[in-house]
Amino acid sequence: MPRIIYIGMTKLNYTEKEILEMTPRKFFIIYDEFLSLNGLKEEELSIEHFF
């Protein structure tokens, strides 16, 4: 839980109260979008990438 609060406050600019009111699912959807928009998320490899 402290890691979620730290990420939410430093990277996503939410207050601690806002983070604690979010469901974990909502937090990780927002964080996943943050990673995608900033180019920090690794693309998943599929069999099509090898051919």
PDB file of N, CA and C in Angstrom:
ATOM      1  N   MET A   1       0.805  -1.202   0.000  1.00  0.00           N
ATOM      2  CA  MET A   1       0.000   0.000   0.000  1.00  0.00           C
ATOM      3  C   MET A   1       0.854   1.275   0.000  1.00  0.00           C
ATOM      4  N   PRO A   2       1.955   1.319   0.771  1.00  0.00           N
ATOM      5  CA  PRO A   2       2.775   2.539   0.723  1.00  0.00           C
ATOM      6  C   PRO A   2       3.343   2.823  -0.671  1.00  0.00           C
ATOM      7  N   ARG A   3       3.617   1.760  -1.436  1.00  0.00           N
ATOM      8  CA  ARG A   3       4.145   1.958  -2.788  1.00  0.00           C
ATOM      9  C   ARG A   3       3.100   2.621  -3.682  1.00  0.00           C
ATOM     10  N   ILE A   4       1.846   2.208  -3.543  1.00  0.00           N
ATOM     11  CA  ILE A   4       0.768   2.803  -4.332  1.00  0.00           C
ATOM     12  C   ILE A   4       0.611   4.280  -3.975  1.00  0.00           C
ATOM     13  N   ILE A   5       0.670   4.600  -2.695  1.00  0.00           N
ATOM     14  CA  ILE A   5       0.552   5.995  -2.265  1.00  0.00           C
ATOM     15  C   ILE A   5       1.716   6.819  -2.809  1.00  0.00           C
ATOM     16  N   TYR A   6       2.926   6.272  -2.737  1.00  0.00           N
ATOM     17  CA  TYR A   6       4.106   6.984  -3.237  1.00  0.00           C
ATOM     18  C   TYR A   6       3.989   7.257  -4.735  1.00  0.00           C
ATOM     19  N   ILE A   7       3.644   6.239  -5.509  1.00  0.00           N
ATOM     20  CA  ILE A   7       3.513   6.403  -6.966  1.00  0.00           C
ATOM     21  C   ILE A   7       2.402   7.395  -7.288  1.00  0.00           C
ATOM     22  N   GLY A   8       1.284   7.246  -6.611  1.00  0.00           N
ATOM     23  CA  GLY A   8       0.151   8.140  -6.871  1.00  0.00           C
ATOM     24  C   GLY A   8       0.458   9.589  -6.575  1.00  0.00           C
ATOM     25  N   MET A   9       1.200   9.830  -5.509  1.00  0.00           N
ATOM     26  CA  MET A   9       1.501  11.210  -5.135  1.00  0.00           C
ATOM     27  C   MET A   9       2.629  11.811  -5.966  1.00  0.00           C
ATOM     28  N   THR A  10       3.666  11.029  -6.281  1.00  0.00           N
ATOM     29  CA  THR A  10       4.809  11.590  -6.990  1.00  0.00           C
ATOM     30  C   THR A  10       4.645  11.584  -8.504  1.00  0.00           C
ATOM     31  N   LYS A  11       4.125  10.507  -9.054  1.00  0.00           N
ATOM     32  CA  LYS A  11       4.032  10.387 -10.508  1.00  0.00           C
ATOM     33  C   LYS A  11       2.697  10.880 -11.068  1.00  0.00           C
ATOM     34  N   LEU A  12       1.613  10.627 -10.342  1.00  0.00           N
ATOM     35  CA  LEU A  12       0.279  10.936 -10.866  1.00  0.00           C
ATOM     36  C   LEU A  12      -0.313  12.215 -10.294  1.00  0.00           C
ATOM     37  N   ASN A  13       0.362  12.811  -9.327  1.00  0.00           N
ATOM     38  CA  ASN A  13      -0.055  14.081  -8.712  1.00  0.00           C
ATOM     39  C   ASN A  13      -1.443  14.038  -8.072  1.00  0.00           C
ATOM     40  N   TYR A  14      -1.754  12.937  -7.419  1.00  0.00           N
ATOM     41  CA  TYR A  14      -2.979  12.838  -6.625  1.00  0.00           C
ATOM     42  C   TYR A  14      -2.635  13.084  -5.165  1.00  0.00           C
ATOM     43  N   THR A  15      -3.627  13.506  -4.382  1.00  0.00           N
ATOM     44  CA  THR A  15      -3.415  13.627  -2.947  1.00  0.00           C
ATOM     45  C   THR A  15      -3.553  12.251  -2.312  1.00  0.00           C
ATOM     46  N   GLU A  16      -3.069  12.126  -1.087  1.00  0.00           N
ATOM     47  CA  GLU A  16      -3.172  10.843  -0.392  1.00  0.00           C
ATOM     48  C   GLU A  16      -4.627  10.443  -0.209  1.00  0.00           C
ATOM     49  N   LYS A  17      -5.474  11.401   0.089  1.00  0.00           N
ATOM     50  CA  LYS A  17      -6.905  11.114   0.276  1.00  0.00           C
ATOM     51  C   LYS A  17      -7.523  10.577  -1.014  1.00  0.00           C
ATOM     52  N   GLU A  18      -7.182  11.194  -2.147  1.00  0.00           N
ATOM     53  CA  GLU A  18      -7.717  10.740  -3.432  1.00  0.00           C
ATOM     54  C   GLU A  18      -7.274   9.320  -3.757  1.00  0.00           C
ATOM     55  N   ILE A  19      -6.045   9.005  -3.439  1.00  0.00           N
ATOM     56  CA  ILE A  19      -5.515   7.665  -3.711  1.00  0.00           C
ATOM     57  C   ILE A  19      -6.224   6.625  -2.855  1.00  0.00           C
ATOM     58  N   LEU A  20      -6.397   6.944  -1.578  1.00  0.00           N
ATOM     59  CA  LEU A  20      -7.034   5.992  -0.677  1.00  0.00           C
ATOM     60  C   LEU A  20      -8.508   5.775  -0.995  1.00  0.00           C
ATOM     61  N   GLU A  21      -9.145   6.736  -1.658  1.00  0.00           N
ATOM     62  CA  GLU A  21     -10.547   6.582  -2.056  1.00  0.00           C
ATOM     63  C   GLU A  21     -10.699   5.782  -3.347  1.00  0.00           C
ATOM     64  N   MET A  22      -9.604   5.614  -4.100  1.00  0.00           N
ATOM     65  CA  MET A  22      -9.654   4.838  -5.348  1.00  0.00           C
ATOM     66  C   MET A  22      -9.655   3.344  -5.045  1.00  0.00           C
ATOM     67  N   THR A  23     -10.270   2.604  -5.943  1.00  0.00           N
ATOM     68  CA  THR A  23     -10.117   1.153  -5.858  1.00  0.00           C
ATOM     69  C   THR A  23      -8.766   0.802  -6.480  1.00  0.00           C
ATOM     70  N   PRO A  24      -8.183  -0.317  -6.083  1.00  0.00           N
ATOM     71  CA  PRO A  24      -6.908  -0.714  -6.709  1.00  0.00           C
ATOM     72  C   PRO A  24      -7.026  -0.851  -8.227  1.00  0.00           C
ATOM     73  N   ARG A  25      -8.164  -1.330  -8.697  1.00  0.00           N
ATOM     74  CA  ARG A  25      -8.356  -1.485 -10.147  1.00  0.00           C
ATOM     75  C   ARG A  25      -8.282  -0.135 -10.848  1.00  0.00           C
ATOM     76  N   LYS A  26      -8.958   0.875 -10.297  1.00  0.00           N
ATOM     77  CA  LYS A  26      -8.942   2.208 -10.896  1.00  0.00           C
ATOM     78  C   LYS A  26      -7.523   2.781 -10.877  1.00  0.00           C
ATOM     79  N   PHE A  27      -6.805   2.609  -9.757  1.00  0.00           N
ATOM     80  CA  PHE A  27      -5.439   3.113  -9.666  1.00  0.00           C
ATOM     81  C   PHE A  27      -4.561   2.505 -10.743  1.00  0.00           C
ATOM     82  N   PHE A  28      -4.627   1.179 -10.908  1.00  0.00           N
ATOM     83  CA  PHE A  28      -3.748   0.529 -11.871  1.00  0.00           C
ATOM     84  C   PHE A  28      -4.149   0.818 -13.312  1.00  0.00           C
ATOM     85  N   ILE A  29      -5.413   1.101 -13.579  1.00  0.00           N
ATOM     86  CA  ILE A  29      -5.812   1.537 -14.924  1.00  0.00           C
ATOM     87  C   ILE A  29      -5.184   2.890 -15.234  1.00  0.00           C
ATOM     88  N   ILE A  30      -5.256   3.812 -14.275  1.00  0.00           N
ATOM     89  CA  ILE A  30      -4.663   5.141 -14.462  1.00  0.00           C
ATOM     90  C   ILE A  30      -3.142   5.036 -14.592  1.00  0.00           C
ATOM     91  N   TYR A  31      -2.519   4.233 -13.754  1.00  0.00           N
ATOM     92  CA  TYR A  31      -1.056   4.087 -13.788  1.00  0.00           C
ATOM     93  C   TYR A  31      -0.602   3.419 -15.086  1.00  0.00           C
ATOM     94  N   ASP A  32      -1.338   2.437 -15.558  1.00  0.00           N
ATOM     95  CA  ASP A  32      -1.008   1.776 -16.815  1.00  0.00           C
ATOM     96  C   ASP A  32      -1.079   2.769 -17.972  1.00  0.00           C
ATOM     97  N   GLU A  33      -2.086   3.633 -17.960  1.00  0.00           N
ATOM     98  CA  GLU A  33      -2.212   4.655 -19.004  1.00  0.00           C
ATOM     99  C   GLU A  33      -1.052   5.649 -18.910  1.00  0.00           C
ATOM    100  N   PHE A  34      -0.656   6.016 -17.708  1.00  0.00           N
ATOM    101  CA  PHE A  34       0.490   6.905 -17.504  1.00  0.00           C
ATOM    102  C   PHE A  34       1.748   6.304 -18.116  1.00  0.00           C
ATOM    103  N   LEU A  35       1.978   5.022 -17.863  1.00  0.00           N
ATOM    104  CA  LEU A  35       3.158   4.357 -18.415  1.00  0.00           C
ATOM    105  C   LEU A  35       3.117   4.328 -19.938  1.00  0.00           C
ATOM    106  N   SER A  36       1.951   4.055 -20.495  1.00  0.00           N
ATOM    107  CA  SER A  36       1.816   4.003 -21.954  1.00  0.00           C
ATOM    108  C   SER A  36       2.074   5.365 -22.589  1.00  0.00           C
ATOM    109  N   LEU A  37       1.492   6.399 -22.020  1.00  0.00           N
ATOM    110  CA  LEU A  37       1.639   7.740 -22.593  1.00  0.00           C
ATOM    111  C   LEU A  37       3.065   8.269 -22.509  1.00  0.00           C
ATOM    112  N   ASN A  38       3.817   7.823 -21.524  1.00  0.00           N
ATOM    113  CA  ASN A  38       5.188   8.296 -21.347  1.00  0.00           C
ATOM    114  C   ASN A  38       6.225   7.350 -21.927  1.00  0.00           C
ATOM    115  N   GLY A  39       5.786   6.322 -22.627  1.00  0.00           N
ATOM    116  CA  GLY A  39       6.709   5.397 -23.273  1.00  0.00           C
ATOM    117  C   GLY A  39       7.489   4.531 -22.309  1.00  0.00           C
ATOM    118  N   LEU A  40       6.964   4.295 -21.134  1.00  0.00           N
ATOM    119  CA  LEU A  40       7.670   3.512 -20.122  1.00  0.00           C
ATOM    120  C   LEU A  40       7.195   2.071 -20.053  1.00  0.00           C
ATOM    121  N   LYS A  41       6.139   1.762 -20.771  1.00  0.00           N
ATOM    122  CA  LYS A  41       5.584   0.416 -20.721  1.00  0.00           C
ATOM    123  C   LYS A  41       6.184  -0.419 -21.843  1.00  0.00           C
ATOM    124  N   GLU A  42       6.639  -1.596 -21.481  1.00  0.00           N
ATOM    125  CA  GLU A  42       7.192  -2.495 -22.488  1.00  0.00           C
ATOM    126  C   GLU A  42       6.044  -3.143 -23.256  1.00  0.00           C
ATOM    127  N   GLU A  43       6.220  -3.232 -24.559  1.00  0.00           N
ATOM    128  CA  GLU A  43       5.197  -3.874 -25.376  1.00  0.00           C
ATOM    129  C   GLU A  43       5.230  -5.378 -25.165  1.00  0.00           C
ATOM    130  N   GLU A  44       4.049  -5.963 -25.158  1.00  0.00           N
ATOM    131  CA  GLU A  44       3.972  -7.414 -25.025  1.00  0.00           C
ATOM    132  C   GLU A  44       4.354  -8.050 -26.355  1.00  0.00           C
ATOM    133  N   LEU A  45       5.161  -9.069 -26.290  1.00  0.00           N
ATOM    134  CA  LEU A  45       5.579  -9.758 -27.504  1.00  0.00           C
ATOM    135  C   LEU A  45       4.619 -10.889 -27.818  1.00  0.00           C
ATOM    136  N   SER A  46       4.323 -11.036 -29.073  1.00  0.00           N
ATOM    137  CA  SER A  46       3.495 -12.151 -29.512  1.00  0.00           C
ATOM    138  C   SER A  46       4.252 -12.921 -30.587  1.00  0.00           C
ATOM    139  N   ILE A  47       3.697 -13.994 -31.019  1.00  0.00           N
ATOM    140  CA  ILE A  47       4.355 -14.831 -32.029  1.00  0.00           C
ATOM    141  C   ILE A  47       4.534 -14.084 -33.341  1.00  0.00           C
ATOM    142  N   GLU A  48       3.687 -13.091 -33.603  1.00  0.00           N
ATOM    143  CA  GLU A  48       3.778 -12.324 -34.844  1.00  0.00           C
ATOM    144  C   GLU A  48       5.047 -11.471 -34.899  1.00  0.00           C
ATOM    145  N   HIS A  49       5.612 -11.113 -33.771  1.00  0.00           N
ATOM    146  CA  HIS A  49       6.841 -10.311 -33.750  1.00  0.00           C
ATOM    147  C   HIS A  49       8.066 -11.099 -34.221  1.00  0.00           C
ATOM    148  N   PHE A  50       7.963 -12.405 -34.211  1.00  0.00           N
ATOM    149  CA  PHE A  50       9.112 -13.224 -34.564  1.00  0.00           C
ATOM    150  C   PHE A  50       9.142 -13.592 -36.034  1.00  0.00           C
ATOM    151  N   PHE A  51       8.082 -13.338 -36.760  1.00  0.00           N
ATOM    152  CA  PHE A  51       8.033 -13.700 -38.189  1.00  0.00           C
ATOM    153  C   PHE A  51       7.972 -12.492 -39.060  1.00  0.00           C
TER     154      PHE A  51
END
